[in-house]
Amino acid sequence: MAHGFKLLAEFLDQFSAEVEGRARFDPPDENKKKIRAFARGELAGPEREELVNLLKENANWVEILAEEVKALRSASSPRQRSKRK
């Protein structure tokens, strides 16, 4: 029976890095501010490049960026409608 547990443990070890890599970690406050600035189009070149690389490494942060963009769009939509009239 011990041999069976050893095989199971070795099998599960193959997947541990992938499972750990999918854990959700919210960005530090400094990076949250950069994400907000990026969503507004206010992030300068070098900081923008750094954030894009961080977004590639932390795919779940893209969801945070999308939420920021959606919030900006919904906040600006009444103004856009009044400009069109």
N, C-alpha and C. Protein backbone atom coordinates (compact mmCIF):
# COMPACT_ATOMS: atom_id res chain seq x y z
N MET A 1 0.82 -1.20 0.00
CA MET A 1 0.00 0.00 0.00
C MET A 1 0.86 1.26 0.00
N ALA A 2 1.99 1.22 0.69
CA ALA A 2 2.87 2.39 0.73
C ALA A 2 3.37 2.73 -0.67
N HIS A 3 3.59 1.71 -1.48
CA HIS A 3 4.04 1.93 -2.86
C HIS A 3 2.98 2.70 -3.65
N GLY A 4 1.70 2.39 -3.40
CA GLY A 4 0.59 3.08 -4.07
C GLY A 4 0.55 4.55 -3.73
N PHE A 5 0.80 4.88 -2.45
CA PHE A 5 0.82 6.28 -2.04
C PHE A 5 1.99 7.02 -2.66
N LYS A 6 3.11 6.31 -2.76
CA LYS A 6 4.29 6.92 -3.37
C LYS A 6 4.01 7.25 -4.83
N LEU A 7 3.39 6.34 -5.56
CA LEU A 7 3.03 6.59 -6.96
C LEU A 7 2.05 7.76 -7.08
N LEU A 8 1.07 7.77 -6.19
CA LEU A 8 0.09 8.85 -6.20
C LEU A 8 0.76 10.19 -5.90
N ALA A 9 1.65 10.22 -4.93
CA ALA A 9 2.35 11.46 -4.58
C ALA A 9 3.21 11.94 -5.74
N GLU A 10 3.89 11.03 -6.42
CA GLU A 10 4.70 11.42 -7.57
C GLU A 10 3.84 11.95 -8.70
N PHE A 11 2.69 11.33 -8.90
CA PHE A 11 1.77 11.78 -9.93
C PHE A 11 1.27 13.19 -9.62
N LEU A 12 0.85 13.41 -8.38
CA LEU A 12 0.33 14.73 -7.99
C LEU A 12 1.39 15.81 -8.02
N ASP A 13 2.64 15.46 -7.76
CA ASP A 13 3.74 16.42 -7.81
C ASP A 13 3.90 17.02 -9.20
N GLN A 14 3.54 16.26 -10.22
CA GLN A 14 3.65 16.77 -11.58
C GLN A 14 2.73 17.96 -11.82
N PHE A 15 1.65 18.06 -11.07
CA PHE A 15 0.65 19.09 -11.29
C PHE A 15 0.69 20.21 -10.26
N SER A 16 1.50 20.10 -9.25
CA SER A 16 1.48 21.09 -8.17
C SER A 16 1.86 22.49 -8.65
N ALA A 17 2.84 22.61 -9.53
CA ALA A 17 3.25 23.94 -9.99
C ALA A 17 2.13 24.61 -10.77
N GLU A 18 1.41 23.85 -11.58
CA GLU A 18 0.32 24.42 -12.36
C GLU A 18 -0.80 24.91 -11.45
N VAL A 19 -1.14 24.12 -10.46
CA VAL A 19 -2.20 24.50 -9.54
C VAL A 19 -1.79 25.74 -8.77
N GLU A 20 -0.56 25.79 -8.30
CA GLU A 20 -0.08 26.95 -7.56
C GLU A 20 -0.08 28.18 -8.45
N GLY A 21 0.25 28.03 -9.71
CA GLY A 21 0.31 29.15 -10.63
C GLY A 21 -1.04 29.75 -10.93
N ARG A 22 -2.11 29.04 -10.66
CA ARG A 22 -3.44 29.55 -10.97
C ARG A 22 -4.10 30.21 -9.78
N ALA A 23 -3.44 30.28 -8.67
CA ALA A 23 -4.01 30.95 -7.51
C ALA A 23 -4.17 32.43 -7.82
N ARG A 24 -5.23 33.02 -7.31
CA ARG A 24 -5.49 34.42 -7.58
C ARG A 24 -4.79 35.28 -6.53
N PHE A 25 -3.97 36.18 -7.02
CA PHE A 25 -3.29 37.14 -6.15
C PHE A 25 -3.63 38.52 -6.68
N ASP A 26 -4.24 39.33 -5.83
CA ASP A 26 -4.53 40.69 -6.24
C ASP A 26 -3.23 41.47 -6.29
N PRO A 27 -3.15 42.43 -7.19
CA PRO A 27 -1.92 43.23 -7.30
C PRO A 27 -1.73 44.11 -6.07
N PRO A 28 -0.49 44.43 -5.76
CA PRO A 28 -0.23 45.38 -4.68
C PRO A 28 -0.87 46.73 -5.04
N ASP A 29 -1.10 47.56 -4.04
CA ASP A 29 -1.77 48.85 -4.25
C ASP A 29 -1.09 49.70 -5.33
N GLU A 30 0.23 49.70 -5.35
CA GLU A 30 0.96 50.48 -6.36
C GLU A 30 0.59 50.02 -7.77
N ASN A 31 0.49 48.72 -7.95
CA ASN A 31 0.13 48.20 -9.27
C ASN A 31 -1.35 48.42 -9.58
N LYS A 32 -2.20 48.43 -8.56
CA LYS A 32 -3.62 48.76 -8.78
C LYS A 32 -3.74 50.18 -9.32
N LYS A 33 -2.94 51.10 -8.77
CA LYS A 33 -2.95 52.48 -9.25
C LYS A 33 -2.49 52.55 -10.70
N LYS A 34 -1.48 51.76 -11.03
CA LYS A 34 -0.99 51.74 -12.41
C LYS A 34 -2.03 51.16 -13.36
N ILE A 35 -2.76 50.16 -12.90
CA ILE A 35 -3.81 49.57 -13.73
C ILE A 35 -4.90 50.60 -14.00
N ARG A 36 -5.28 51.35 -12.97
CA ARG A 36 -6.29 52.42 -13.15
C ARG A 36 -5.80 53.47 -14.14
N ALA A 37 -4.54 53.88 -13.98
CA ALA A 37 -3.97 54.89 -14.89
C ALA A 37 -3.90 54.35 -16.31
N PHE A 38 -3.55 53.08 -16.47
CA PHE A 38 -3.49 52.45 -17.79
C PHE A 38 -4.87 52.43 -18.43
N ALA A 39 -5.89 52.12 -17.65
CA ALA A 39 -7.26 52.09 -18.16
C ALA A 39 -7.70 53.47 -18.65
N ARG A 40 -7.21 54.50 -18.01
CA ARG A 40 -7.55 55.88 -18.39
C ARG A 40 -6.66 56.41 -19.52
N GLY A 41 -5.63 55.65 -19.88
CA GLY A 41 -4.70 56.11 -20.90
C GLY A 41 -3.70 57.11 -20.37
N GLU A 42 -3.45 57.08 -19.09
CA GLU A 42 -2.59 58.07 -18.44
C GLU A 42 -1.24 57.50 -18.01
N LEU A 43 -0.89 56.30 -18.43
CA LEU A 43 0.36 55.70 -17.99
C LEU A 43 1.44 55.93 -19.04
N ALA A 44 2.56 56.51 -18.62
CA ALA A 44 3.67 56.85 -19.52
C ALA A 44 4.38 55.59 -20.03
N GLY A 45 5.12 55.74 -21.12
CA GLY A 45 5.79 54.64 -21.82
C GLY A 45 6.47 53.59 -20.98
N PRO A 46 7.51 53.92 -20.22
CA PRO A 46 8.24 52.88 -19.46
C PRO A 46 7.35 52.19 -18.42
N GLU A 47 6.51 52.96 -17.73
CA GLU A 47 5.61 52.35 -16.75
C GLU A 47 4.57 51.47 -17.44
N ARG A 48 4.12 51.91 -18.61
CA ARG A 48 3.14 51.14 -19.37
C ARG A 48 3.75 49.80 -19.80
N GLU A 49 4.98 49.84 -20.29
CA GLU A 49 5.65 48.60 -20.70
C GLU A 49 5.83 47.65 -19.52
N GLU A 50 6.22 48.22 -18.38
CA GLU A 50 6.38 47.40 -17.17
C GLU A 50 5.06 46.76 -16.78
N LEU A 51 3.97 47.53 -16.83
CA LEU A 51 2.67 46.99 -16.47
C LEU A 51 2.21 45.92 -17.45
N VAL A 52 2.43 46.13 -18.72
CA VAL A 52 2.06 45.12 -19.72
C VAL A 52 2.77 43.80 -19.43
N ASN A 53 4.04 43.87 -19.08
CA ASN A 53 4.78 42.65 -18.72
C ASN A 53 4.19 42.00 -17.47
N LEU A 54 3.81 42.83 -16.49
CA LEU A 54 3.20 42.29 -15.28
C LEU A 54 1.85 41.65 -15.60
N LEU A 55 1.10 42.24 -16.52
CA LEU A 55 -0.19 41.67 -16.92
C LEU A 55 0.01 40.32 -17.61
N LYS A 56 1.09 40.20 -18.38
CA LYS A 56 1.39 38.92 -19.02
C LYS A 56 1.72 37.85 -17.99
N GLU A 57 2.41 38.25 -16.93
CA GLU A 57 2.80 37.31 -15.88
C GLU A 57 1.66 37.00 -14.92
N ASN A 58 0.70 37.92 -14.81
CA ASN A 58 -0.41 37.77 -13.86
C ASN A 58 -1.72 37.95 -14.63
N ALA A 59 -2.10 36.92 -15.34
CA ALA A 59 -3.25 37.01 -16.24
C ALA A 59 -4.53 37.41 -15.51
N ASN A 60 -4.66 37.08 -14.24
CA ASN A 60 -5.88 37.45 -13.52
C ASN A 60 -5.98 38.97 -13.30
N TRP A 61 -4.88 39.69 -13.44
CA TRP A 61 -4.92 41.14 -13.32
C TRP A 61 -5.63 41.77 -14.52
N VAL A 62 -5.67 41.05 -15.64
CA VAL A 62 -6.35 41.56 -16.83
C VAL A 62 -7.83 41.75 -16.51
N GLU A 63 -8.38 40.87 -15.69
CA GLU A 63 -9.77 41.00 -15.28
C GLU A 63 -9.98 42.31 -14.50
N ILE A 64 -9.02 42.66 -13.66
CA ILE A 64 -9.09 43.91 -12.91
C ILE A 64 -9.04 45.10 -13.86
N LEU A 65 -8.16 45.01 -14.86
CA LEU A 65 -8.08 46.06 -15.89
C LEU A 65 -9.41 46.18 -16.63
N ALA A 66 -10.00 45.06 -17.00
CA ALA A 66 -11.28 45.07 -17.71
C ALA A 66 -12.37 45.72 -16.86
N GLU A 67 -12.38 45.44 -15.57
CA GLU A 67 -13.35 46.05 -14.67
C GLU A 67 -13.17 47.56 -14.61
N GLU A 68 -11.92 48.01 -14.60
CA GLU A 68 -11.64 49.46 -14.60
C GLU A 68 -12.15 50.12 -15.88
N VAL A 69 -11.90 49.47 -17.01
CA VAL A 69 -12.34 50.01 -18.30
C VAL A 69 -13.86 50.07 -18.36
N LYS A 70 -14.51 49.00 -17.91
CA LYS A 70 -15.98 48.98 -17.89
C LYS A 70 -16.54 50.09 -17.02
N ALA A 71 -15.92 50.28 -15.86
CA ALA A 71 -16.38 51.33 -14.95
C ALA A 71 -16.23 52.71 -15.59
N LEU A 72 -15.13 52.92 -16.29
CA LEU A 72 -14.92 54.20 -16.97
C LEU A 72 -15.93 54.40 -18.10
N ARG A 73 -16.20 53.35 -18.83
CA ARG A 73 -17.16 53.44 -19.93
C ARG A 73 -18.56 53.74 -19.43
N SER A 74 -18.96 53.07 -18.37
CA SER A 74 -20.31 53.30 -17.84
C SER A 74 -20.41 54.67 -17.18
N ALA A 75 -19.32 55.16 -16.62
CA ALA A 75 -19.33 56.48 -16.01
C ALA A 75 -19.38 57.59 -17.07
N SER A 76 -18.79 57.33 -18.23
CA SER A 76 -18.75 58.35 -19.27
C SER A 76 -19.93 58.26 -20.23
N SER A 77 -20.68 57.18 -20.24
CA SER A 77 -21.74 57.03 -21.24
C SER A 77 -22.84 58.08 -21.13
N PRO A 78 -23.30 58.54 -19.96
CA PRO A 78 -24.29 59.60 -19.94
C PRO A 78 -23.77 60.91 -20.55
N ARG A 79 -22.49 61.20 -20.32
CA ARG A 79 -21.89 62.40 -20.91
C ARG A 79 -21.83 62.30 -22.43
N GLN A 80 -21.48 61.12 -22.92
CA GLN A 80 -21.38 60.93 -24.36
C GLN A 80 -22.75 61.08 -25.00
N ARG A 81 -23.79 60.59 -24.35
CA ARG A 81 -25.14 60.70 -24.90
C ARG A 81 -25.56 62.17 -24.97
N SER A 82 -25.22 62.95 -23.93
CA SER A 82 -25.61 64.36 -23.94
C SER A 82 -24.84 65.15 -24.98
N LYS A 83 -23.61 64.74 -25.31
CA LYS A 83 -22.83 65.42 -26.35
C LYS A 83 -23.41 65.17 -27.72
N ARG A 84 -24.00 63.99 -27.92
CA ARG A 84 -24.54 63.63 -29.22
C ARG A 84 -25.83 64.39 -29.52
N LYS A 85 -26.56 64.78 -28.52
CA LYS A 85 -27.86 65.44 -28.70
C LYS A 85 -27.72 66.89 -29.06
